[in-house]
Each structure stands twice: as C-alpha cells, then as structure tokens.
Full PDB file with SEQRES, HELIX, SHEET, SSBOND, CRYST1, ORIGX, SCALE, CONECT and MASTER records, all heavy atoms in Angstrom:
SEQRES   1 A   42  ALA GLU SER ALA PHE GLU VAL VAL VAL GLY ALA VAL LEU          
SEQRES   2 A   42  THR GLN ASN THR ALA TRP THR ASN VAL GLU ARG ALA ILE          
SEQRES   3 A   42  ALA ASN LEU LYS ALA ALA GLY VAL LEU ASN SER GLU ALA          
SEQRES   4 A   42  LEU LEU SER                                                  
HELIX    1 AA1 ALA A    4  LEU A   13  1                                  10    
HELIX    2 AA2 TRP A   19  ALA A   32  1                                  14    
HELIX    3 AA3 SER A   37  LEU A   41  1                                   5    
CRYST1    1.000    1.000    1.000  90.00  90.00  90.00 P 1           1          
ORIGX1      1.000000  0.000000  0.000000        0.00000                         
ORIGX2      0.000000  1.000000  0.000000        0.00000                         
ORIGX3      0.000000  0.000000  1.000000        0.00000                         
SCALE1      1.000000  0.000000  0.000000        0.00000                         
SCALE2      0.000000  1.000000  0.000000        0.00000                         
SCALE3      0.000000  0.000000  1.000000        0.00000                         
ATOM      1  N   ALA A   1     -32.492 -12.818  -2.317  1.00  0.00           N  
ATOM      2  CA  ALA A   1     -33.773 -12.532  -1.984  1.00  0.00           C  
ATOM      3  C   ALA A   1     -34.838 -13.242  -2.748  1.00  0.00           C  
ATOM      4  O   ALA A   1     -34.513 -13.636  -3.846  1.00  0.00           O  
ATOM      5  CB  ALA A   1     -33.962 -10.905  -2.051  1.00  0.00           C  
ATOM      6  N   GLU A   2     -36.009 -13.323  -2.275  1.00  0.00           N  
ATOM      7  CA  GLU A   2     -37.079 -14.093  -2.856  1.00  0.00           C  
ATOM      8  C   GLU A   2     -37.914 -13.156  -3.739  1.00  0.00           C  
ATOM      9  O   GLU A   2     -38.840 -13.595  -4.526  1.00  0.00           O  
ATOM     10  CB  GLU A   2     -38.037 -14.808  -1.811  1.00  0.00           C  
ATOM     11  CG  GLU A   2     -37.215 -15.927  -1.145  1.00  0.00           C  
ATOM     12  CD  GLU A   2     -38.236 -16.648  -0.013  1.00  0.00           C  
ATOM     13  OE1 GLU A   2     -39.230 -16.068   0.148  1.00  0.00           O  
ATOM     14  OE2 GLU A   2     -37.622 -17.598   0.522  1.00  0.00           O  
ATOM     15  N   SER A   3     -37.767 -11.846  -3.637  1.00  0.00           N  
ATOM     16  CA  SER A   3     -38.532 -10.854  -4.321  1.00  0.00           C  
ATOM     17  C   SER A   3     -37.919  -9.562  -4.531  1.00  0.00           C  
ATOM     18  O   SER A   3     -36.907  -9.312  -3.636  1.00  0.00           O  
ATOM     19  CB  SER A   3     -39.931 -10.682  -3.791  1.00  0.00           C  
ATOM     20  OG  SER A   3     -39.826  -9.876  -2.477  1.00  0.00           O  
ATOM     21  N   ALA A   4     -38.211  -8.707  -5.371  1.00  0.00           N  
ATOM     22  CA  ALA A   4     -37.631  -7.373  -5.572  1.00  0.00           C  
ATOM     23  C   ALA A   4     -37.911  -6.610  -4.304  1.00  0.00           C  
ATOM     24  O   ALA A   4     -37.126  -5.739  -3.808  1.00  0.00           O  
ATOM     25  CB  ALA A   4     -38.171  -6.780  -6.804  1.00  0.00           C  
ATOM     26  N   PHE A   5     -39.120  -6.690  -3.751  1.00  0.00           N  
ATOM     27  CA  PHE A   5     -39.490  -5.987  -2.599  1.00  0.00           C  
ATOM     28  C   PHE A   5     -38.540  -6.349  -1.407  1.00  0.00           C  
ATOM     29  O   PHE A   5     -38.112  -5.503  -0.612  1.00  0.00           O  
ATOM     30  CB  PHE A   5     -40.966  -6.132  -2.038  1.00  0.00           C  
ATOM     31  CG  PHE A   5     -41.297  -5.299  -0.877  1.00  0.00           C  
ATOM     32  CD1 PHE A   5     -41.565  -3.995  -1.147  1.00  0.00           C  
ATOM     33  CD2 PHE A   5     -41.413  -5.807   0.252  1.00  0.00           C  
ATOM     34  CE1 PHE A   5     -42.054  -3.055  -0.146  1.00  0.00           C  
ATOM     35  CE2 PHE A   5     -41.837  -5.092   1.353  1.00  0.00           C  
ATOM     36  CZ  PHE A   5     -42.120  -3.643   1.194  1.00  0.00           C  
ATOM     37  N   GLU A   6     -38.243  -7.610  -1.262  1.00  0.00           N  
ATOM     38  CA  GLU A   6     -37.272  -8.080  -0.286  1.00  0.00           C  
ATOM     39  C   GLU A   6     -35.872  -7.413  -0.394  1.00  0.00           C  
ATOM     40  O   GLU A   6     -35.237  -7.110   0.529  1.00  0.00           O  
ATOM     41  CB  GLU A   6     -37.166  -9.601  -0.227  1.00  0.00           C  
ATOM     42  CG  GLU A   6     -36.427 -10.179   0.958  1.00  0.00           C  
ATOM     43  CD  GLU A   6     -36.492 -11.621   0.955  1.00  0.00           C  
ATOM     44  OE1 GLU A   6     -37.469 -12.295   0.727  1.00  0.00           O  
ATOM     45  OE2 GLU A   6     -35.399 -12.259   1.332  1.00  0.00           O  
ATOM     46  N   VAL A   7     -35.493  -7.205  -1.731  1.00  0.00           N  
ATOM     47  CA  VAL A   7     -34.321  -6.489  -1.938  1.00  0.00           C  
ATOM     48  C   VAL A   7     -34.366  -5.077  -1.407  1.00  0.00           C  
ATOM     49  O   VAL A   7     -33.334  -4.664  -0.820  1.00  0.00           O  
ATOM     50  CB  VAL A   7     -34.017  -6.488  -3.518  1.00  0.00           C  
ATOM     51  CG1 VAL A   7     -32.729  -5.616  -3.827  1.00  0.00           C  
ATOM     52  CG2 VAL A   7     -33.716  -7.888  -3.991  1.00  0.00           C  
ATOM     53  N   VAL A   8     -35.405  -4.413  -1.693  1.00  0.00           N  
ATOM     54  CA  VAL A   8     -35.641  -2.967  -1.198  1.00  0.00           C  
ATOM     55  C   VAL A   8     -35.401  -3.016   0.339  1.00  0.00           C  
ATOM     56  O   VAL A   8     -34.646  -2.160   0.843  1.00  0.00           O  
ATOM     57  CB  VAL A   8     -36.864  -2.470  -1.603  1.00  0.00           C  
ATOM     58  CG1 VAL A   8     -37.243  -1.115  -0.904  1.00  0.00           C  
ATOM     59  CG2 VAL A   8     -37.012  -2.431  -3.048  1.00  0.00           C  
ATOM     60  N   VAL A   9     -36.051  -3.942   0.997  1.00  0.00           N  
ATOM     61  CA  VAL A   9     -35.955  -3.976   2.531  1.00  0.00           C  
ATOM     62  C   VAL A   9     -34.561  -4.329   2.888  1.00  0.00           C  
ATOM     63  O   VAL A   9     -33.954  -3.700   3.865  1.00  0.00           O  
ATOM     64  CB  VAL A   9     -36.965  -4.889   3.037  1.00  0.00           C  
ATOM     65  CG1 VAL A   9     -36.789  -5.086   4.501  1.00  0.00           C  
ATOM     66  CG2 VAL A   9     -38.476  -4.564   2.740  1.00  0.00           C  
ATOM     67  N   GLY A  10     -34.087  -5.296   2.312  1.00  0.00           N  
ATOM     68  CA  GLY A  10     -32.720  -5.707   2.655  1.00  0.00           C  
ATOM     69  C   GLY A  10     -31.549  -4.763   2.414  1.00  0.00           C  
ATOM     70  O   GLY A  10     -30.605  -4.609   3.216  1.00  0.00           O  
ATOM     71  N   ALA A  11     -31.739  -3.878   1.341  1.00  0.00           N  
ATOM     72  CA  ALA A  11     -30.865  -2.779   1.063  1.00  0.00           C  
ATOM     73  C   ALA A  11     -30.545  -1.822   2.254  1.00  0.00           C  
ATOM     74  O   ALA A  11     -29.612  -1.255   2.432  1.00  0.00           O  
ATOM     75  CB  ALA A  11     -31.224  -2.092  -0.192  1.00  0.00           C  
ATOM     76  N   VAL A  12     -31.682  -1.498   2.908  1.00  0.00           N  
ATOM     77  CA  VAL A  12     -31.695  -0.692   4.106  1.00  0.00           C  
ATOM     78  C   VAL A  12     -31.193  -1.431   5.341  1.00  0.00           C  
ATOM     79  O   VAL A  12     -30.272  -0.837   6.044  1.00  0.00           O  
ATOM     80  CB  VAL A  12     -33.079  -0.049   4.448  1.00  0.00           C  
ATOM     81  CG1 VAL A  12     -33.003   0.747   5.639  1.00  0.00           C  
ATOM     82  CG2 VAL A  12     -33.584   0.787   3.254  1.00  0.00           C  
ATOM     83  N   LEU A  13     -31.630  -2.605   5.551  1.00  0.00           N  
ATOM     84  CA  LEU A  13     -31.161  -3.294   6.828  1.00  0.00           C  
ATOM     85  C   LEU A  13     -29.813  -3.726   6.694  1.00  0.00           C  
ATOM     86  O   LEU A  13     -29.175  -3.942   7.749  1.00  0.00           O  
ATOM     87  CB  LEU A  13     -32.102  -4.629   6.897  1.00  0.00           C  
ATOM     88  CG  LEU A  13     -33.606  -4.342   7.026  1.00  0.00           C  
ATOM     89  CD1 LEU A  13     -34.389  -5.629   7.322  1.00  0.00           C  
ATOM     90  CD2 LEU A  13     -33.972  -3.422   8.177  1.00  0.00           C  
ATOM     91  N   THR A  14     -29.185  -3.831   5.526  1.00  0.00           N  
ATOM     92  CA  THR A  14     -27.808  -4.352   5.398  1.00  0.00           C  
ATOM     93  C   THR A  14     -26.805  -3.227   5.768  1.00  0.00           C  
ATOM     94  O   THR A  14     -25.516  -3.512   5.851  1.00  0.00           O  
ATOM     95  CB  THR A  14     -27.541  -4.962   4.080  1.00  0.00           C  
ATOM     96  OG1 THR A  14     -26.351  -5.777   4.110  1.00  0.00           O  
ATOM     97  CG2 THR A  14     -27.409  -3.863   3.053  1.00  0.00           C  
ATOM     98  N   GLN A  15     -27.209  -2.001   5.938  1.00  0.00           N  
ATOM     99  CA  GLN A  15     -26.318  -0.881   6.148  1.00  0.00           C  
ATOM    100  C   GLN A  15     -25.495  -1.190   7.511  1.00  0.00           C  
ATOM    101  O   GLN A  15     -26.003  -1.389   8.521  1.00  0.00           O  
ATOM    102  CB  GLN A  15     -26.989   0.385   6.346  1.00  0.00           C  
ATOM    103  CG  GLN A  15     -27.718   0.808   5.026  1.00  0.00           C  
ATOM    104  CD  GLN A  15     -28.570   2.152   5.250  1.00  0.00           C  
ATOM    105  OE1 GLN A  15     -28.832   2.514   6.271  1.00  0.00           O  
ATOM    106  NE2 GLN A  15     -28.985   2.671   4.167  1.00  0.00           N  
ATOM    107  N   ASN A  16     -24.141  -1.234   7.335  1.00  0.00           N  
ATOM    108  CA  ASN A  16     -23.232  -1.387   8.530  1.00  0.00           C  
ATOM    109  C   ASN A  16     -23.576  -2.638   9.369  1.00  0.00           C  
ATOM    110  O   ASN A  16     -23.499  -2.641  10.719  1.00  0.00           O  
ATOM    111  CB  ASN A  16     -23.335  -0.150   9.447  1.00  0.00           C  
ATOM    112  CG  ASN A  16     -22.795   1.089   8.669  1.00  0.00           C  
ATOM    113  OD1 ASN A  16     -21.874   1.041   7.880  1.00  0.00           O  
ATOM    114  ND2 ASN A  16     -23.517   2.105   8.871  1.00  0.00           N  
ATOM    115  N   THR A  17     -23.896  -3.760   8.767  1.00  0.00           N  
ATOM    116  CA  THR A  17     -23.965  -5.043   9.533  1.00  0.00           C  
ATOM    117  C   THR A  17     -23.732  -6.168   8.553  1.00  0.00           C  
ATOM    118  O   THR A  17     -23.683  -6.115   7.380  1.00  0.00           O  
ATOM    119  CB  THR A  17     -25.469  -5.096  10.097  1.00  0.00           C  
ATOM    120  OG1 THR A  17     -25.526  -6.167  11.091  1.00  0.00           O  
ATOM    121  CG2 THR A  17     -26.519  -5.430   9.069  1.00  0.00           C  
ATOM    122  N   ALA A  18     -23.638  -7.418   9.259  1.00  0.00           N  
ATOM    123  CA  ALA A  18     -23.327  -8.565   8.493  1.00  0.00           C  
ATOM    124  C   ALA A  18     -24.756  -9.079   7.872  1.00  0.00           C  
ATOM    125  O   ALA A  18     -25.757  -8.917   8.520  1.00  0.00           O  
ATOM    126  CB  ALA A  18     -22.741  -9.744   9.353  1.00  0.00           C  
ATOM    127  N   TRP A  19     -24.592  -9.757   6.807  1.00  0.00           N  
ATOM    128  CA  TRP A  19     -25.886 -10.253   6.161  1.00  0.00           C  
ATOM    129  C   TRP A  19     -26.709 -11.185   6.950  1.00  0.00           C  
ATOM    130  O   TRP A  19     -27.839 -11.342   6.872  1.00  0.00           O  
ATOM    131  CB  TRP A  19     -25.574 -10.819   4.801  1.00  0.00           C  
ATOM    132  CG  TRP A  19     -26.813 -11.206   4.044  1.00  0.00           C  
ATOM    133  CD1 TRP A  19     -27.360 -12.409   3.807  1.00  0.00           C  
ATOM    134  CD2 TRP A  19     -27.848 -10.266   3.475  1.00  0.00           C  
ATOM    135  NE1 TRP A  19     -28.520 -12.393   3.141  1.00  0.00           N  
ATOM    136  CE2 TRP A  19     -28.823 -11.002   2.898  1.00  0.00           C  
ATOM    137  CE3 TRP A  19     -27.812  -8.846   3.344  1.00  0.00           C  
ATOM    138  CZ2 TRP A  19     -29.862 -10.436   2.206  1.00  0.00           C  
ATOM    139  CZ3 TRP A  19     -28.862  -8.303   2.665  1.00  0.00           C  
ATOM    140  CH2 TRP A  19     -29.880  -9.080   2.115  1.00  0.00           C  
ATOM    141  N   THR A  20     -25.990 -11.998   7.786  1.00  0.00           N  
ATOM    142  CA  THR A  20     -26.586 -12.969   8.624  1.00  0.00           C  
ATOM    143  C   THR A  20     -27.628 -12.256   9.525  1.00  0.00           C  
ATOM    144  O   THR A  20     -28.686 -12.780   9.935  1.00  0.00           O  
ATOM    145  CB  THR A  20     -25.581 -13.864   9.485  1.00  0.00           C  
ATOM    146  OG1 THR A  20     -24.724 -12.880  10.137  1.00  0.00           O  
ATOM    147  CG2 THR A  20     -24.705 -14.755   8.589  1.00  0.00           C  
ATOM    148  N   ASN A  21     -27.289 -10.995   9.991  1.00  0.00           N  
ATOM    149  CA  ASN A  21     -28.123 -10.313  10.812  1.00  0.00           C  
ATOM    150  C   ASN A  21     -29.352  -9.845  10.102  1.00  0.00           C  
ATOM    151  O   ASN A  21     -30.438  -9.696  10.560  1.00  0.00           O  
ATOM    152  CB  ASN A  21     -27.448  -9.093  11.455  1.00  0.00           C  
ATOM    153  CG  ASN A  21     -26.396  -9.478  12.428  1.00  0.00           C  
ATOM    154  OD1 ASN A  21     -26.357 -10.556  13.068  1.00  0.00           O  
ATOM    155  ND2 ASN A  21     -25.273  -8.608  12.435  1.00  0.00           N  
ATOM    156  N   VAL A  22     -29.171  -9.499   8.830  1.00  0.00           N  
ATOM    157  CA  VAL A  22     -30.296  -8.996   7.953  1.00  0.00           C  
ATOM    158  C   VAL A  22     -31.198 -10.156   7.799  1.00  0.00           C  
ATOM    159  O   VAL A  22     -32.450 -10.002   7.774  1.00  0.00           O  
ATOM    160  CB  VAL A  22     -29.687  -8.580   6.657  1.00  0.00           C  
ATOM    161  CG1 VAL A  22     -30.899  -8.127   5.737  1.00  0.00           C  
ATOM    162  CG2 VAL A  22     -28.827  -7.344   6.813  1.00  0.00           C  
ATOM    163  N   GLU A  23     -30.629 -11.376   7.624  1.00  0.00           N  
ATOM    164  CA  GLU A  23     -31.469 -12.585   7.313  1.00  0.00           C  
ATOM    165  C   GLU A  23     -32.445 -12.804   8.450  1.00  0.00           C  
ATOM    166  O   GLU A  23     -33.586 -13.146   8.310  1.00  0.00           O  
ATOM    167  CB  GLU A  23     -30.690 -13.684   7.020  1.00  0.00           C  
ATOM    168  CG  GLU A  23     -29.919 -13.750   5.704  1.00  0.00           C  
ATOM    169  CD  GLU A  23     -28.993 -14.992   5.470  1.00  0.00           C  
ATOM    170  OE1 GLU A  23     -28.401 -15.356   6.480  1.00  0.00           O  
ATOM    171  OE2 GLU A  23     -28.944 -15.423   4.314  1.00  0.00           O  
ATOM    172  N   ARG A  24     -32.015 -12.688   9.719  1.00  0.00           N  
ATOM    173  CA  ARG A  24     -32.735 -12.757  10.848  1.00  0.00           C  
ATOM    174  C   ARG A  24     -33.931 -11.756  11.018  1.00  0.00           C  
ATOM    175  O   ARG A  24     -34.968 -12.013  11.307  1.00  0.00           O  
ATOM    176  CB  ARG A  24     -31.856 -12.674  12.118  1.00  0.00           C  
ATOM    177  CG  ARG A  24     -30.949 -13.979  12.286  1.00  0.00           C  
ATOM    178  CD  ARG A  24     -29.805 -13.650  13.242  1.00  0.00           C  
ATOM    179  NE  ARG A  24     -30.333 -13.241  14.571  1.00  0.00           N  
ATOM    180  CZ  ARG A  24     -29.744 -12.547  15.426  1.00  0.00           C  
ATOM    181  NH1 ARG A  24     -28.525 -11.998  15.203  1.00  0.00           N  
ATOM    182  NH2 ARG A  24     -30.344 -12.230  16.726  1.00  0.00           N  
ATOM    183  N   ALA A  25     -33.464 -10.578  10.656  1.00  0.00           N  
ATOM    184  CA  ALA A  25     -34.594  -9.464  10.590  1.00  0.00           C  
ATOM    185  C   ALA A  25     -35.626  -9.732   9.586  1.00  0.00           C  
ATOM    186  O   ALA A  25     -36.844  -9.538   9.875  1.00  0.00           O  
ATOM    187  CB  ALA A  25     -33.916  -8.093  10.409  1.00  0.00           C  
ATOM    188  N   ILE A  26     -35.189 -10.117   8.385  1.00  0.00           N  
ATOM    189  CA  ILE A  26     -36.182 -10.346   7.338  1.00  0.00           C  
ATOM    190  C   ILE A  26     -37.056 -11.615   7.627  1.00  0.00           C  
ATOM    191  O   ILE A  26     -38.273 -11.713   7.449  1.00  0.00           O  
ATOM    192  CB  ILE A  26     -35.456 -10.628   6.015  1.00  0.00           C  
ATOM    193  CG1 ILE A  26     -34.938  -9.289   5.458  1.00  0.00           C  
ATOM    194  CG2 ILE A  26     -36.413 -11.210   4.968  1.00  0.00           C  
ATOM    195  CD1 ILE A  26     -34.168  -9.396   4.233  1.00  0.00           C  
ATOM    196  N   ALA A  27     -36.483 -12.605   8.309  1.00  0.00           N  
ATOM    197  CA  ALA A  27     -37.253 -13.824   8.818  1.00  0.00           C  
ATOM    198  C   ALA A  27     -38.255 -13.338   9.788  1.00  0.00           C  
ATOM    199  O   ALA A  27     -39.400 -13.915   9.795  1.00  0.00           O  
ATOM    200  CB  ALA A  27     -36.231 -14.718   9.460  1.00  0.00           C  
ATOM    201  N   ASN A  28     -37.953 -12.320  10.680  1.00  0.00           N  
ATOM    202  CA  ASN A  28     -38.949 -11.829  11.524  1.00  0.00           C  
ATOM    203  C   ASN A  28     -40.084 -11.166  10.808  1.00  0.00           C  
ATOM    204  O   ASN A  28     -41.284 -11.397  11.104  1.00  0.00           O  
ATOM    205  CB  ASN A  28     -38.367 -10.804  12.566  1.00  0.00           C  
ATOM    206  CG  ASN A  28     -37.380 -11.417  13.560  1.00  0.00           C  
ATOM    207  OD1 ASN A  28     -37.548 -12.550  13.767  1.00  0.00           O  
ATOM    208  ND2 ASN A  28     -36.727 -10.564  14.263  1.00  0.00           N  
ATOM    209  N   LEU A  29     -39.796 -10.380   9.832  1.00  0.00           N  
ATOM    210  CA  LEU A  29     -40.923  -9.776   9.015  1.00  0.00           C  
ATOM    211  C   LEU A  29     -41.683 -10.828   8.351  1.00  0.00           C  
ATOM    212  O   LEU A  29     -42.974 -10.672   8.170  1.00  0.00           O  
ATOM    213  CB  LEU A  29     -40.130  -8.787   8.073  1.00  0.00           C  
ATOM    214  CG  LEU A  29     -39.405  -7.669   8.650  1.00  0.00           C  
ATOM    215  CD1 LEU A  29     -38.671  -6.824   7.488  1.00  0.00           C  
ATOM    216  CD2 LEU A  29     -40.375  -6.653   9.320  1.00  0.00           C  
ATOM    217  N   LYS A  30     -41.086 -11.806   7.799  1.00  0.00           N  
ATOM    218  CA  LYS A  30     -41.867 -12.887   7.092  1.00  0.00           C  
ATOM    219  C   LYS A  30     -42.752 -13.602   8.149  1.00  0.00           C  
ATOM    220  O   LYS A  30     -43.906 -13.911   7.831  1.00  0.00           O  
ATOM    221  CB  LYS A  30     -40.935 -13.924   6.456  1.00  0.00           C  
ATOM    222  CG  LYS A  30     -40.182 -13.296   5.226  1.00  0.00           C  
ATOM    223  CD  LYS A  30     -39.344 -14.281   4.523  1.00  0.00           C  
ATOM    224  CE  LYS A  30     -38.593 -13.832   3.242  1.00  0.00           C  
ATOM    225  NZ  LYS A  30     -37.783 -14.799   2.683  1.00  0.00           N  
ATOM    226  N   ALA A  31     -42.234 -13.941   9.352  1.00  0.00           N  
ATOM    227  CA  ALA A  31     -43.022 -14.667  10.327  1.00  0.00           C  
ATOM    228  C   ALA A  31     -44.174 -13.905  10.828  1.00  0.00           C  
ATOM    229  O   ALA A  31     -45.228 -14.463  11.067  1.00  0.00           O  
ATOM    230  CB  ALA A  31     -42.148 -14.998  11.485  1.00  0.00           C  
ATOM    231  N   ALA A  32     -44.060 -12.507  10.887  1.00  0.00           N  
ATOM    232  CA  ALA A  32     -45.047 -11.532  11.243  1.00  0.00           C  
ATOM    233  C   ALA A  32     -46.060 -11.348  10.093  1.00  0.00           C  
ATOM    234  O   ALA A  32     -47.108 -10.658  10.310  1.00  0.00           O  
ATOM    235  CB  ALA A  32     -44.553 -10.363  11.796  1.00  0.00           C  
ATOM    236  N   GLY A  33     -45.718 -11.849   8.884  1.00  0.00           N  
ATOM    237  CA  GLY A  33     -46.620 -11.643   7.742  1.00  0.00           C  
ATOM    238  C   GLY A  33     -46.740 -10.242   7.285  1.00  0.00           C  
ATOM    239  O   GLY A  33     -47.760  -9.811   6.713  1.00  0.00           O  
ATOM    240  N   VAL A  34     -45.564  -9.474   7.450  1.00  0.00           N  
ATOM    241  CA  VAL A  34     -45.653  -8.101   7.051  1.00  0.00           C  
ATOM    242  C   VAL A  34     -44.643  -7.602   6.041  1.00  0.00           C  
ATOM    243  O   VAL A  34     -44.361  -6.476   5.858  1.00  0.00           O  
ATOM    244  CB  VAL A  34     -45.483  -7.121   8.275  1.00  0.00           C  
ATOM    245  CG1 VAL A  34     -46.571  -7.350   9.288  1.00  0.00           C  
ATOM    246  CG2 VAL A  34     -44.019  -7.410   8.972  1.00  0.00           C  
ATOM    247  N   LEU A  35     -44.082  -8.584   5.271  1.00  0.00           N  
ATOM    248  CA  LEU A  35     -43.136  -8.252   4.293  1.00  0.00           C  
ATOM    249  C   LEU A  35     -43.655  -7.897   2.981  1.00  0.00           C  
ATOM    250  O   LEU A  35     -43.543  -8.506   1.948  1.00  0.00           O  
ATOM    251  CB  LEU A  35     -42.069  -9.471   4.077  1.00  0.00           C  
ATOM    252  CG  LEU A  35     -40.877  -9.148   3.241  1.00  0.00           C  
ATOM    253  CD1 LEU A  35     -40.137  -7.946   3.904  1.00  0.00           C  
ATOM    254  CD2 LEU A  35     -39.964 -10.347   3.141  1.00  0.00           C  
ATOM    255  N   ASN A  36     -44.509  -6.887   3.037  1.00  0.00           N  
ATOM    256  CA  ASN A  36     -45.115  -6.256   1.853  1.00  0.00           C  
ATOM    257  C   ASN A  36     -45.310  -4.827   2.131  1.00  0.00           C  
ATOM    258  O   ASN A  36     -45.362  -4.384   3.302  1.00  0.00           O  
ATOM    259  CB  ASN A  36     -46.454  -6.938   1.431  1.00  0.00           C  
ATOM    260  CG  ASN A  36     -47.519  -6.817   2.667  1.00  0.00           C  
ATOM    261  OD1 ASN A  36     -48.132  -5.874   2.675  1.00  0.00           O  
ATOM    262  ND2 ASN A  36     -47.704  -7.956   3.354  1.00  0.00           N  
ATOM    263  N   SER A  37     -45.518  -3.993   1.117  1.00  0.00           N  
ATOM    264  CA  SER A  37     -45.457  -2.522   1.269  1.00  0.00           C  
ATOM    265  C   SER A  37     -46.625  -2.122   2.074  1.00  0.00           C  
ATOM    266  O   SER A  37     -46.394  -1.372   3.014  1.00  0.00           O  
ATOM    267  CB  SER A  37     -45.522  -1.952  -0.061  1.00  0.00           C  
ATOM    268  OG  SER A  37     -45.692  -0.589  -0.085  1.00  0.00           O  
ATOM    269  N   GLU A  38     -47.818  -2.549   1.881  1.00  0.00           N  
ATOM    270  CA  GLU A  38     -49.000  -2.116   2.581  1.00  0.00           C  
ATOM    271  C   GLU A  38     -48.860  -2.537   4.088  1.00  0.00           C  
ATOM    272  O   GLU A  38     -49.171  -1.611   4.896  1.00  0.00           O  
ATOM    273  CB  GLU A  38     -50.333  -2.859   2.072  1.00  0.00           C  
ATOM    274  CG  GLU A  38     -51.581  -2.351   2.677  1.00  0.00           C  
ATOM    275  CD  GLU A  38     -52.762  -3.022   2.032  1.00  0.00           C  
ATOM    276  OE1 GLU A  38     -52.637  -3.762   1.091  1.00  0.00           O  
ATOM    277  OE2 GLU A  38     -53.938  -2.731   2.530  1.00  0.00           O  
ATOM    278  N   ALA A  39     -48.511  -3.636   4.415  1.00  0.00           N  
ATOM    279  CA  ALA A  39     -48.356  -3.954   5.801  1.00  0.00           C  
ATOM    280  C   ALA A  39     -47.299  -3.237   6.554  1.00  0.00           C  
ATOM    281  O   ALA A  39     -47.578  -2.745   7.617  1.00  0.00           O  
ATOM    282  CB  ALA A  39     -48.097  -5.525   5.920  1.00  0.00           C  
ATOM    283  N   LEU A  40     -46.153  -3.056   5.979  1.00  0.00           N  
ATOM    284  CA  LEU A  40     -45.116  -2.212   6.714  1.00  0.00           C  
ATOM    285  C   LEU A  40     -45.467  -0.819   6.720  1.00  0.00           C  
ATOM    286  O   LEU A  40     -45.073  -0.150   7.764  1.00  0.00           O  
ATOM    287  CB  LEU A  40     -43.757  -2.449   5.827  1.00  0.00           C  
ATOM    288  CG  LEU A  40     -43.104  -3.845   5.897  1.00  0.00           C  
ATOM    289  CD1 LEU A  40     -41.899  -3.873   5.044  1.00  0.00           C  
ATOM    290  CD2 LEU A  40     -42.823  -4.093   7.344  1.00  0.00           C  
ATOM    291  N   LEU A  41     -46.224  -0.322   5.840  1.00  0.00           N  
ATOM    292  CA  LEU A  41     -46.564   1.201   5.886  1.00  0.00           C  
ATOM    293  C   LEU A  41     -47.587   1.346   7.067  1.00  0.00           C  
ATOM    294  O   LEU A  41     -47.653   2.518   7.539  1.00  0.00           O  
ATOM    295  CB  LEU A  41     -47.163   1.659   4.537  1.00  0.00           C  
ATOM    296  CG  LEU A  41     -46.247   1.965   3.468  1.00  0.00           C  
ATOM    297  CD1 LEU A  41     -46.873   2.125   2.183  1.00  0.00           C  
ATOM    298  CD2 LEU A  41     -45.310   3.126   3.712  1.00  0.00           C  
ATOM    299  N   SER A  42     -48.305   0.319   7.284  1.00  0.00           N  
ATOM    300  CA  SER A  42     -49.340   0.511   8.266  1.00  0.00           C  
ATOM    301  C   SER A  42     -48.865   0.091   9.740  1.00  0.00           C  
ATOM    302  O   SER A  42     -49.499   0.316  10.732  1.00  0.00           O  
ATOM    303  CB  SER A  42     -50.611  -0.350   8.027  1.00  0.00           C  
ATOM    304  OG  SER A  42     -50.351  -1.694   7.966  1.00  0.00           O  
TER     305      SER A  42                                                      
MASTER        0    0    0    3    0    0    0    6  304    1    0    4          
END                                                                             
C-alpha cells in the first residue's frame, strides 16, 4: 500500500477475495480521486 489509509481500506476489501481483485478496486478509488477519508465518507 502507498499509505496507512490505503491499508485500512484494503483490509476490508481483502476479505474473502484474492489481492488482485483488491488492487483493481483500489485503482478505481484512486482514479475517482476518493481514496481519502473525507471523500469516502461523503
């Protein structure tokens, strides 16, 4: 992960799935510019 916050998000997304799938989901969050606490909460 590139940050501690990304670890937090990844820890939930990795439940019962392969990490490659988590990487794709996190890439979506980064592309949408919402991989931060304030953006995700809103």
